[in-house]
PDB file of N, CA and C in Angstrom:
ATOM      1  N   MET A   1     -26.804  15.415  -8.382  1.00  0.00           N
ATOM      2  CA  MET A   1     -25.850  16.169  -7.853  1.00  0.00           C
ATOM      3  C   MET A   1     -25.455  17.212  -8.951  1.00  0.00           C
ATOM      4  N   SER A   2     -25.397  18.461  -8.521  1.00  0.00           N
ATOM      5  CA  SER A   2     -25.045  19.504  -9.362  1.00  0.00           C
ATOM      6  C   SER A   2     -23.754  19.504  -9.895  1.00  0.00           C
ATOM      7  N   THR A   3     -23.442  20.297 -11.053  1.00  0.00           N
ATOM      8  CA  THR A   3     -22.113  20.359 -11.514  1.00  0.00           C
ATOM      9  C   THR A   3     -20.985  20.916 -10.610  1.00  0.00           C
ATOM     10  N   ILE A   4     -21.380  21.798  -9.637  1.00  0.00           N
ATOM     11  CA  ILE A   4     -20.305  22.292  -8.743  1.00  0.00           C
ATOM     12  C   ILE A   4     -20.287  21.152  -7.522  1.00  0.00           C
ATOM     13  N   ASP A   5     -21.163  20.324  -7.260  1.00  0.00           N
ATOM     14  CA  ASP A   5     -21.030  19.311  -6.426  1.00  0.00           C
ATOM     15  C   ASP A   5     -20.140  18.201  -7.009  1.00  0.00           C
ATOM     16  N   ALA A   6     -20.480  17.865  -8.179  1.00  0.00           N
ATOM     17  CA  ALA A   6     -19.643  16.776  -8.842  1.00  0.00           C
ATOM     18  C   ALA A   6     -18.177  17.283  -9.022  1.00  0.00           C
ATOM     19  N   SER A   7     -17.706  18.583  -9.262  1.00  0.00           N
ATOM     20  CA  SER A   7     -16.453  18.988  -9.447  1.00  0.00           C
ATOM     21  C   SER A   7     -15.753  18.789  -7.991  1.00  0.00           C
ATOM     22  N   THR A   8     -16.594  19.417  -6.913  1.00  0.00           N
ATOM     23  CA  THR A   8     -15.860  19.279  -5.775  1.00  0.00           C
ATOM     24  C   THR A   8     -15.668  17.786  -5.314  1.00  0.00           C
ATOM     25  N   ALA A   9     -16.576  16.972  -5.629  1.00  0.00           N
ATOM     26  CA  ALA A   9     -16.342  15.481  -5.207  1.00  0.00           C
ATOM     27  C   ALA A   9     -15.015  15.031  -5.961  1.00  0.00           C
ATOM     28  N   THR A  10     -14.943  15.443  -7.200  1.00  0.00           N
ATOM     29  CA  THR A  10     -13.957  14.933  -8.064  1.00  0.00           C
ATOM     30  C   THR A  10     -12.520  15.433  -7.351  1.00  0.00           C
ATOM     31  N   ALA A  11     -12.650  16.734  -6.960  1.00  0.00           N
ATOM     32  CA  ALA A  11     -11.438  17.362  -6.359  1.00  0.00           C
ATOM     33  C   ALA A  11     -10.990  16.555  -5.107  1.00  0.00           C
ATOM     34  N   ASP A  12     -12.124  16.474  -4.223  1.00  0.00           N
ATOM     35  CA  ASP A  12     -11.804  15.484  -3.059  1.00  0.00           C
ATOM     36  C   ASP A  12     -11.386  14.153  -3.393  1.00  0.00           C
ATOM     37  N   SER A  13     -11.832  13.576  -4.250  1.00  0.00           N
ATOM     38  CA  SER A  13     -11.342  12.190  -4.474  1.00  0.00           C
ATOM     39  C   SER A  13      -9.943  12.196  -5.064  1.00  0.00           C
ATOM     40  N   ALA A  14      -9.513  13.350  -5.863  1.00  0.00           N
ATOM     41  CA  ALA A  14      -8.199  13.457  -6.334  1.00  0.00           C
ATOM     42  C   ALA A  14      -7.238  13.572  -5.042  1.00  0.00           C
ATOM     43  N   GLU A  15      -7.563  14.476  -4.196  1.00  0.00           N
ATOM     44  CA  GLU A  15      -6.854  14.648  -2.932  1.00  0.00           C
ATOM     45  C   GLU A  15      -6.755  13.533  -2.189  1.00  0.00           C
ATOM     46  N   ASP A  16      -7.731  12.819  -1.995  1.00  0.00           N
ATOM     47  CA  ASP A  16      -7.709  11.554  -1.295  1.00  0.00           C
ATOM     48  C   ASP A  16      -6.855  10.677  -1.881  1.00  0.00           C
ATOM     49  N   LEU A  17      -6.745  10.455  -3.357  1.00  0.00           N
ATOM     50  CA  LEU A  17      -5.764   9.594  -3.929  1.00  0.00           C
ATOM     51  C   LEU A  17      -4.334   9.986  -3.641  1.00  0.00           C
ATOM     52  N   ILE A  18      -4.131  11.267  -3.684  1.00  0.00           N
ATOM     53  CA  ILE A  18      -2.651  11.713  -3.634  1.00  0.00           C
ATOM     54  C   ILE A  18      -2.322  11.367  -1.906  1.00  0.00           C
ATOM     55  N   ALA A  19      -3.242  11.571  -1.137  1.00  0.00           N
ATOM     56  CA  ALA A  19      -3.038  11.389   0.280  1.00  0.00           C
ATOM     57  C   ALA A  19      -2.703   9.858   0.586  1.00  0.00           C
ATOM     58  N   GLN A  20      -3.532   9.007  -0.038  1.00  0.00           N
ATOM     59  CA  GLN A  20      -3.420   7.596   0.045  1.00  0.00           C
ATOM     60  C   GLN A  20      -1.922   7.202  -0.608  1.00  0.00           C
ATOM     61  N   GLN A  21      -1.602   7.754  -1.811  1.00  0.00           N
ATOM     62  CA  GLN A  21      -0.277   7.417  -2.544  1.00  0.00           C
ATOM     63  C   GLN A  21       0.846   7.856  -1.404  1.00  0.00           C
ATOM     64  N   ARG A  22       0.813   9.021  -0.929  1.00  0.00           N
ATOM     65  CA  ARG A  22       1.800   9.434  -0.014  1.00  0.00           C
ATOM     66  C   ARG A  22       1.952   8.515   1.216  1.00  0.00           C
ATOM     67  N   LYS A  23       0.734   7.951   1.740  1.00  0.00           N
ATOM     68  CA  LYS A  23       0.993   7.099   2.983  1.00  0.00           C
ATOM     69  C   LYS A  23       1.500   5.786   2.381  1.00  0.00           C
ATOM     70  N   ILE A  24       1.214   5.294   1.237  1.00  0.00           N
ATOM     71  CA  ILE A  24       1.830   4.103   0.737  1.00  0.00           C
ATOM     72  C   ILE A  24       3.169   4.287   0.391  1.00  0.00           C
ATOM     73  N   VAL A  25       3.768   5.382  -0.158  1.00  0.00           N
ATOM     74  CA  VAL A  25       5.082   5.599  -0.423  1.00  0.00           C
ATOM     75  C   VAL A  25       5.921   5.612   0.845  1.00  0.00           C
ATOM     76  N   ASN A  26       5.314   6.310   1.834  1.00  0.00           N
ATOM     77  CA  ASN A  26       6.027   6.525   3.223  1.00  0.00           C
ATOM     78  C   ASN A  26       6.084   5.132   3.819  1.00  0.00           C
ATOM     79  N   ARG A  27       5.147   4.128   3.645  1.00  0.00           N
ATOM     80  CA  ARG A  27       5.324   2.803   4.198  1.00  0.00           C
ATOM     81  C   ARG A  27       6.335   2.085   3.636  1.00  0.00           C
ATOM     82  N   LEU A  28       6.481   2.302   2.116  1.00  0.00           N
ATOM     83  CA  LEU A  28       7.437   1.532   1.378  1.00  0.00           C
ATOM     84  C   LEU A  28       8.853   2.085   1.571  1.00  0.00           C
ATOM     85  N   ARG A  29       8.978   3.419   1.964  1.00  0.00           N
ATOM     86  CA  ARG A  29      10.184   4.103   2.312  1.00  0.00           C
ATOM     87  C   ARG A  29      10.812   3.414   3.557  1.00  0.00           C
ATOM     88  N   ARG A  30       9.741   3.358   4.724  1.00  0.00           N
ATOM     89  CA  ARG A  30      10.137   2.747   5.776  1.00  0.00           C
ATOM     90  C   ARG A  30      10.679   1.325   5.952  1.00  0.00           C
ATOM     91  N   ALA A  31       9.887   0.657   4.922  1.00  0.00           N
ATOM     92  CA  ALA A  31      10.308  -0.812   4.617  1.00  0.00           C
ATOM     93  C   ALA A  31      11.668  -0.818   4.173  1.00  0.00           C
ATOM     94  N   GLU A  32      11.924   0.098   3.135  1.00  0.00           N
ATOM     95  CA  GLU A  32      13.267   0.182   2.495  1.00  0.00           C
ATOM     96  C   GLU A  32      14.277   0.441   3.521  1.00  0.00           C
ATOM     97  N   GLY A  33      14.093   1.317   4.565  1.00  0.00           N
ATOM     98  CA  GLY A  33      15.073   1.648   5.477  1.00  0.00           C
ATOM     99  C   GLY A  33      15.308   0.500   6.449  1.00  0.00           C
ATOM    100  N   GLN A  34      14.268  -0.222   6.673  1.00  0.00           N
ATOM    101  CA  GLN A  34      14.429  -1.458   7.652  1.00  0.00           C
ATOM    102  C   GLN A  34      15.101  -2.624   6.876  1.00  0.00           C
ATOM    103  N   LEU A  35      14.973  -2.707   5.537  1.00  0.00           N
ATOM    104  CA  LEU A  35      15.555  -3.711   4.801  1.00  0.00           C
ATOM    105  C   LEU A  35      17.152  -3.341   4.814  1.00  0.00           C
ATOM    106  N   SER A  36      17.528  -2.235   4.642  1.00  0.00           N
ATOM    107  CA  SER A  36      18.926  -1.712   4.619  1.00  0.00           C
ATOM    108  C   SER A  36      19.625  -2.054   6.028  1.00  0.00           C
ATOM    109  N   ALA A  37      18.793  -1.856   7.215  1.00  0.00           N
ATOM    110  CA  ALA A  37      19.091  -2.128   8.386  1.00  0.00           C
ATOM    111  C   ALA A  37      19.351  -3.766   8.528  1.00  0.00           C
ATOM    112  N   VAL A  38      18.635  -4.654   7.894  1.00  0.00           N
ATOM    113  CA  VAL A  38      18.664  -5.865   7.899  1.00  0.00           C
ATOM    114  C   VAL A  38      20.027  -6.250   7.165  1.00  0.00           C
ATOM    115  N   ILE A  39      20.250  -5.731   5.767  1.00  0.00           N
ATOM    116  CA  ILE A  39      21.370  -6.174   5.162  1.00  0.00           C
ATOM    117  C   ILE A  39      22.683  -5.560   5.933  1.00  0.00           C
ATOM    118  N   ARG A  40      22.711  -4.509   6.606  1.00  0.00           N
ATOM    119  CA  ARG A  40      23.844  -4.113   7.416  1.00  0.00           C
ATOM    120  C   ARG A  40      24.030  -5.040   8.550  1.00  0.00           C
ATOM    121  N   ALA A  41      22.972  -5.508   9.156  1.00  0.00           N
ATOM    122  CA  ALA A  41      23.136  -6.510  10.312  1.00  0.00           C
ATOM    123  C   ALA A  41      23.620  -7.767   9.952  1.00  0.00           C
ATOM    124  N   VAL A  42      23.245  -8.364   8.688  1.00  0.00           N
ATOM    125  CA  VAL A  42      23.809  -9.581   8.036  1.00  0.00           C
ATOM    126  C   VAL A  42      25.328  -9.409   7.780  1.00  0.00           C
ATOM    127  N   GLU A  43      25.658  -8.169   7.149  1.00  0.00           N
ATOM    128  CA  GLU A  43      27.089  -7.977   6.807  1.00  0.00           C
ATOM    129  C   GLU A  43      27.929  -7.971   7.960  1.00  0.00           C
ATOM    130  N   SER A  44      27.379  -7.334   9.117  1.00  0.00           N
ATOM    131  CA  SER A  44      28.157  -7.023  10.338  1.00  0.00           C
ATOM    132  C   SER A  44      28.320  -8.309  11.189  1.00  0.00           C
ATOM    133  N   GLY A  45      27.470  -9.338  10.902  1.00  0.00           N
ATOM    134  CA  GLY A  45      27.456 -10.658  11.672  1.00  0.00           C
ATOM    135  C   GLY A  45      26.598 -10.385  12.931  1.00  0.00           C
ATOM    136  N   ALA A  46      25.606  -9.717  12.876  1.00  0.00           N
ATOM    137  CA  ALA A  46      24.753  -9.541  14.027  1.00  0.00           C
ATOM    138  C   ALA A  46      24.214 -10.941  14.274  1.00  0.00           C
ATOM    139  N   GLU A  47      23.573 -10.865  15.492  1.00  0.00           N
ATOM    140  CA  GLU A  47      22.992 -12.140  16.029  1.00  0.00           C
ATOM    141  C   GLU A  47      21.746 -12.580  15.151  1.00  0.00           C
ATOM    142  N   CYS A  48      21.513 -13.814  15.156  1.00  0.00           N
ATOM    143  CA  CYS A  48      20.367 -14.307  14.131  1.00  0.00           C
ATOM    144  C   CYS A  48      19.011 -13.800  14.727  1.00  0.00           C
ATOM    145  N   ARG A  49      18.670 -13.719  16.024  1.00  0.00           N
ATOM    146  CA  ARG A  49      17.549 -13.149  16.593  1.00  0.00           C
ATOM    147  C   ARG A  49      17.392 -11.704  15.998  1.00  0.00           C
ATOM    148  N   ASP A  50      18.398 -10.862  16.170  1.00  0.00           N
ATOM    149  CA  ASP A  50      18.093  -9.433  15.860  1.00  0.00           C
ATOM    150  C   ASP A  50      17.776  -9.315  14.356  1.00  0.00           C
ATOM    151  N   ILE A  51      18.353 -10.190  13.523  1.00  0.00           N
ATOM    152  CA  ILE A  51      18.199 -10.120  11.998  1.00  0.00           C
ATOM    153  C   ILE A  51      16.734 -10.604  11.765  1.00  0.00           C
ATOM    154  N   VAL A  52      16.459 -11.757  12.328  1.00  0.00           N
ATOM    155  CA  VAL A  52      15.117 -12.235  12.001  1.00  0.00           C
ATOM    156  C   VAL A  52      13.983 -11.365  12.527  1.00  0.00           C
ATOM    157  N   ILE A  53      14.138 -10.707  13.675  1.00  0.00           N
ATOM    158  CA  ILE A  53      13.257  -9.605  14.208  1.00  0.00           C
ATOM    159  C   ILE A  53      12.940  -8.369  13.110  1.00  0.00           C
ATOM    160  N   GLN A  54      14.202  -7.957  12.722  1.00  0.00           N
ATOM    161  CA  GLN A  54      14.157  -6.883  11.782  1.00  0.00           C
ATOM    162  C   GLN A  54      13.456  -7.358  10.454  1.00  0.00           C
ATOM    163  N   LEU A  55      13.825  -8.345  10.030  1.00  0.00           N
ATOM    164  CA  LEU A  55      13.272  -9.065   8.782  1.00  0.00           C
ATOM    165  C   LEU A  55      11.802  -9.203   8.850  1.00  0.00           C
ATOM    166  N   SER A  56      11.334  -9.708  10.116  1.00  0.00           N
ATOM    167  CA  SER A  56       9.870  -9.738  10.277  1.00  0.00           C
ATOM    168  C   SER A  56       9.313  -8.264  10.204  1.00  0.00           C
ATOM    169  N   ALA A  57       9.824  -7.328  10.632  1.00  0.00           N
ATOM    170  CA  ALA A  57       9.391  -5.930  10.595  1.00  0.00           C
ATOM    171  C   ALA A  57       9.288  -5.463   9.104  1.00  0.00           C
ATOM    172  N   VAL A  58      10.285  -5.726   8.159  1.00  0.00           N
ATOM    173  CA  VAL A  58      10.182  -5.503   6.787  1.00  0.00           C
ATOM    174  C   VAL A  58       9.200  -6.267   6.275  1.00  0.00           C
ATOM    175  N   SER A  59       9.019  -7.315   6.556  1.00  0.00           N
ATOM    176  CA  SER A  59       7.863  -8.169   5.786  1.00  0.00           C
ATOM    177  C   SER A  59       6.544  -7.554   6.315  1.00  0.00           C
ATOM    178  N   LYS A  60       6.243  -7.204   7.295  1.00  0.00           N
ATOM    179  CA  LYS A  60       5.120  -6.692   7.842  1.00  0.00           C
ATOM    180  C   LYS A  60       4.777  -5.323   7.137  1.00  0.00           C
ATOM    181  N   ALA A  61       5.875  -4.513   7.094  1.00  0.00           N
ATOM    182  CA  ALA A  61       5.720  -3.144   6.419  1.00  0.00           C
ATOM    183  C   ALA A  61       5.305  -3.367   5.124  1.00  0.00           C
ATOM    184  N   LEU A  62       6.010  -4.366   4.312  1.00  0.00           N
ATOM    185  CA  LEU A  62       5.569  -4.571   2.780  1.00  0.00           C
ATOM    186  C   LEU A  62       4.189  -5.063   2.796  1.00  0.00           C
ATOM    187  N   ASP A  63       3.735  -5.977   3.707  1.00  0.00           N
ATOM    188  CA  ASP A  63       2.211  -6.519   3.512  1.00  0.00           C
ATOM    189  C   ASP A  63       1.320  -5.384   3.611  1.00  0.00           C
ATOM    190  N   ARG A  64       1.548  -4.537   4.895  1.00  0.00           N
ATOM    191  CA  ARG A  64       0.646  -3.263   5.124  1.00  0.00           C
ATOM    192  C   ARG A  64       0.647  -2.480   3.707  1.00  0.00           C
ATOM    193  N   ALA A  65       1.588  -2.302   3.100  1.00  0.00           N
ATOM    194  CA  ALA A  65       1.748  -1.504   1.885  1.00  0.00           C
ATOM    195  C   ALA A  65       0.828  -2.049   0.937  1.00  0.00           C
ATOM    196  N   GLY A  66       1.101  -3.314   0.703  1.00  0.00           N
ATOM    197  CA  GLY A  66       0.274  -4.095  -0.333  1.00  0.00           C
ATOM    198  C   GLY A  66      -1.012  -4.174  -0.054  1.00  0.00           C
ATOM    199  N   PHE A  67      -1.621  -4.336   1.301  1.00  0.00           N
ATOM    200  CA  PHE A  67      -2.894  -4.193   1.648  1.00  0.00           C
ATOM    201  C   PHE A  67      -3.565  -2.798   1.276  1.00  0.00           C
ATOM    202  N   ALA A  68      -2.756  -1.929   1.630  1.00  0.00           N
ATOM    203  CA  ALA A  68      -3.183  -0.401   1.436  1.00  0.00           C
ATOM    204  C   ALA A  68      -3.467  -0.220  -0.150  1.00  0.00           C
ATOM    205  N   ILE A  69      -2.496  -0.777  -0.843  1.00  0.00           N
ATOM    206  CA  ILE A  69      -2.728  -0.590  -2.504  1.00  0.00           C
ATOM    207  C   ILE A  69      -3.984  -1.325  -2.894  1.00  0.00           C
ATOM    208  N   VAL A  70      -4.258  -2.430  -2.326  1.00  0.00           N
ATOM    209  CA  VAL A  70      -5.444  -3.212  -2.690  1.00  0.00           C
ATOM    210  C   VAL A  70      -6.752  -2.455  -2.205  1.00  0.00           C
ATOM    211  N   ALA A  71      -6.586  -1.848  -0.993  1.00  0.00           N
ATOM    212  CA  ALA A  71      -7.822  -1.299  -0.324  1.00  0.00           C
ATOM    213  C   ALA A  71      -8.092  -0.154  -1.102  1.00  0.00           C
ATOM    214  N   SER A  72      -6.954   0.567  -1.723  1.00  0.00           N
ATOM    215  CA  SER A  72      -7.253   1.874  -2.447  1.00  0.00           C
ATOM    216  C   SER A  72      -7.895   1.513  -3.773  1.00  0.00           C
ATOM    217  N   ALA A  73      -7.510   0.434  -4.320  1.00  0.00           N
ATOM    218  CA  ALA A  73      -7.982  -0.039  -5.635  1.00  0.00           C
ATOM    219  C   ALA A  73      -9.410  -0.265  -5.396  1.00  0.00           C
ATOM    220  N   MET A  74      -9.847  -1.066  -4.181  1.00  0.00           N
ATOM    221  CA  MET A  74     -11.148  -1.422  -3.994  1.00  0.00           C
ATOM    222  C   MET A  74     -12.065  -0.094  -3.768  1.00  0.00           C
ATOM    223  N   ARG A  75     -11.628   0.737  -2.963  1.00  0.00           N
ATOM    224  CA  ARG A  75     -12.406   2.013  -2.834  1.00  0.00           C
ATOM    225  C   ARG A  75     -12.715   2.737  -4.235  1.00  0.00           C
ATOM    226  N   ASN A  76     -11.591   2.743  -5.093  1.00  0.00           N
ATOM    227  CA  ASN A  76     -11.873   3.505  -6.432  1.00  0.00           C
ATOM    228  C   ASN A  76     -12.875   2.533  -7.189  1.00  0.00           C
ATOM    229  N   CYS A  77     -12.832   1.341  -7.012  1.00  0.00           N
ATOM    230  CA  CYS A  77     -13.794   0.480  -7.789  1.00  0.00           C
ATOM    231  C   CYS A  77     -15.215   0.709  -7.199  1.00  0.00           C
ATOM    232  N   LEU A  78     -15.236   0.841  -5.980  1.00  0.00           N
ATOM    233  CA  LEU A  78     -16.620   1.136  -5.416  1.00  0.00           C
ATOM    234  C   LEU A  78     -17.250   2.530  -5.725  1.00  0.00           C
ATOM    235  N   ALA A  79     -16.285   3.373  -5.659  1.00  0.00           N
ATOM    236  CA  ALA A  79     -16.588   4.764  -6.051  1.00  0.00           C
ATOM    237  C   ALA A  79     -17.027   5.101  -7.569  1.00  0.00           C
ATOM    238  N   ASP A  80     -16.345   4.262  -8.473  1.00  0.00           N
ATOM    239  CA  ASP A  80     -16.655   4.440  -9.780  1.00  0.00           C
ATOM    240  C   ASP A  80     -16.735   2.966 -10.455  1.00  0.00           C
ATOM    241  N   PRO A  81     -18.177   2.340 -10.172  1.00  0.00           N
ATOM    242  CA  PRO A  81     -18.312   0.991 -10.660  1.00  0.00           C
ATOM    243  C   PRO A  81     -18.176   0.954 -12.253  1.00  0.00           C
ATOM    244  N   ASP A  82     -18.310   1.969 -13.036  1.00  0.00           N
ATOM    245  CA  ASP A  82     -18.271   1.773 -14.502  1.00  0.00           C
ATOM    246  C   ASP A  82     -16.809   1.784 -14.783  1.00  0.00           C
ATOM    247  N   ASP A  83     -15.908   2.040 -13.992  1.00  0.00           N
ATOM    248  CA  ASP A  83     -14.357   1.941 -14.331  1.00  0.00           C
ATOM    249  C   ASP A  83     -13.962   0.626 -14.505  1.00  0.00           C
ATOM    250  N   SER A  84     -13.711   0.184 -15.624  1.00  0.00           N
ATOM    251  CA  SER A  84     -13.357  -1.352 -15.955  1.00  0.00           C
ATOM    252  C   SER A  84     -11.931  -1.606 -15.971  1.00  0.00           C
ATOM    253  N   SER A  85     -11.154  -0.700 -15.250  1.00  0.00           N
ATOM    254  CA  SER A  85      -9.668  -0.928 -15.233  1.00  0.00           C
ATOM    255  C   SER A  85      -9.422  -2.251 -14.224  1.00  0.00           C
ATOM    256  N   MET A  86     -10.338  -2.639 -13.518  1.00  0.00           N
ATOM    257  CA  MET A  86      -9.969  -3.652 -12.638  1.00  0.00           C
ATOM    258  C   MET A  86     -11.462  -4.393 -12.253  1.00  0.00           C
ATOM    259  N   THR A  87     -11.614  -5.605 -12.457  1.00  0.00           N
ATOM    260  CA  THR A  87     -12.794  -6.331 -11.957  1.00  0.00           C
ATOM    261  C   THR A  87     -12.789  -6.821 -10.687  1.00  0.00           C
ATOM    262  N   PRO A  88     -13.957  -7.016  -9.867  1.00  0.00           N
ATOM    263  CA  PRO A  88     -13.973  -7.610  -8.641  1.00  0.00           C
ATOM    264  C   PRO A  88     -13.222  -8.757  -8.522  1.00  0.00           C
ATOM    265  N   ASP A  89     -13.080  -9.661  -9.513  1.00  0.00           N
ATOM    266  CA  ASP A  89     -12.425 -10.859  -9.503  1.00  0.00           C
ATOM    267  C   ASP A  89     -10.994 -10.559  -9.265  1.00  0.00           C
ATOM    268  N   GLU A  90     -10.487  -9.652 -10.160  1.00  0.00           N
ATOM    269  CA  GLU A  90      -9.048  -9.298 -10.177  1.00  0.00           C
ATOM    270  C   GLU A  90      -8.779  -8.833  -9.043  1.00  0.00           C
ATOM    271  N   LEU A  91      -9.517  -7.923  -8.192  1.00  0.00           N
ATOM    272  CA  LEU A  91      -9.205  -7.407  -6.796  1.00  0.00           C
ATOM    273  C   LEU A  91      -9.026  -8.425  -5.834  1.00  0.00           C
ATOM    274  N   GLU A  92      -9.980  -9.426  -5.966  1.00  0.00           N
ATOM    275  CA  GLU A  92      -9.876 -10.605  -4.993  1.00  0.00           C
ATOM    276  C   GLU A  92      -8.626 -11.345  -5.286  1.00  0.00           C
ATOM    277  N   LYS A  93      -8.276 -11.482  -6.429  1.00  0.00           N
ATOM    278  CA  LYS A  93      -7.084 -12.292  -6.708  1.00  0.00           C
ATOM    279  C   LYS A  93      -5.931 -11.649  -6.157  1.00  0.00           C
ATOM    280  N   LEU A  94      -5.751 -10.274  -6.346  1.00  0.00           N
ATOM    281  CA  LEU A  94      -4.613  -9.526  -5.868  1.00  0.00           C
ATOM    282  C   LEU A  94      -4.619  -9.543  -4.333  1.00  0.00           C
ATOM    283  N   PHE A  95      -5.855  -9.316  -3.621  1.00  0.00           N
ATOM    284  CA  PHE A  95      -5.815  -9.604  -2.151  1.00  0.00           C
ATOM    285  C   PHE A  95      -5.393 -10.901  -1.716  1.00  0.00           C
ATOM    286  N   LEU A  96      -5.812 -12.033  -2.348  1.00  0.00           N
ATOM    287  CA  LEU A  96      -5.392 -13.208  -2.108  1.00  0.00           C
ATOM    288  C   LEU A  96      -3.940 -13.742  -2.101  1.00  0.00           C
ATOM    289  N   THR A  97      -3.299 -12.898  -3.275  1.00  0.00           N
ATOM    290  CA  THR A  97      -1.993 -12.897  -3.489  1.00  0.00           C
ATOM    291  C   THR A  97      -1.143 -12.417  -2.077  1.00  0.00           C
ATOM    292  N   LEU A  98      -1.622 -11.415  -1.630  1.00  0.00           N
ATOM    293  CA  LEU A  98      -1.003 -10.935  -0.373  1.00  0.00           C
ATOM    294  C   LEU A  98      -1.307 -11.605   1.067  1.00  0.00           C
ATOM    295  N   ALA A  99      -2.235 -12.452   1.223  1.00  0.00           N
ATOM    296  CA  ALA A  99      -2.702 -13.195   2.416  1.00  0.00           C
ATOM    297  C   ALA A  99      -2.012 -14.394   2.343  1.00  0.00           C
TER     298      ALA A  99
END
């Protein structure tokens, strides 16, 4: 790979990382909004069914954000196997924490 190709690949991966982070933050903000709705529902005495449905949505949103974070770490690990910031065993442990 030439120097130009390497710098282009680095710029592409940096842009990908920023895009991934943006998606994760958006998921977390959505979950934050859903959690606020659950709190308001509890405070206003909403029906149990409605509260549980909203709480389930919050839980799923958080799970998806967590999986996206682990998937991003896995992609980074595969892209740069020499990066020792996280071992495959640590990635597996993180993934199983969410499962």
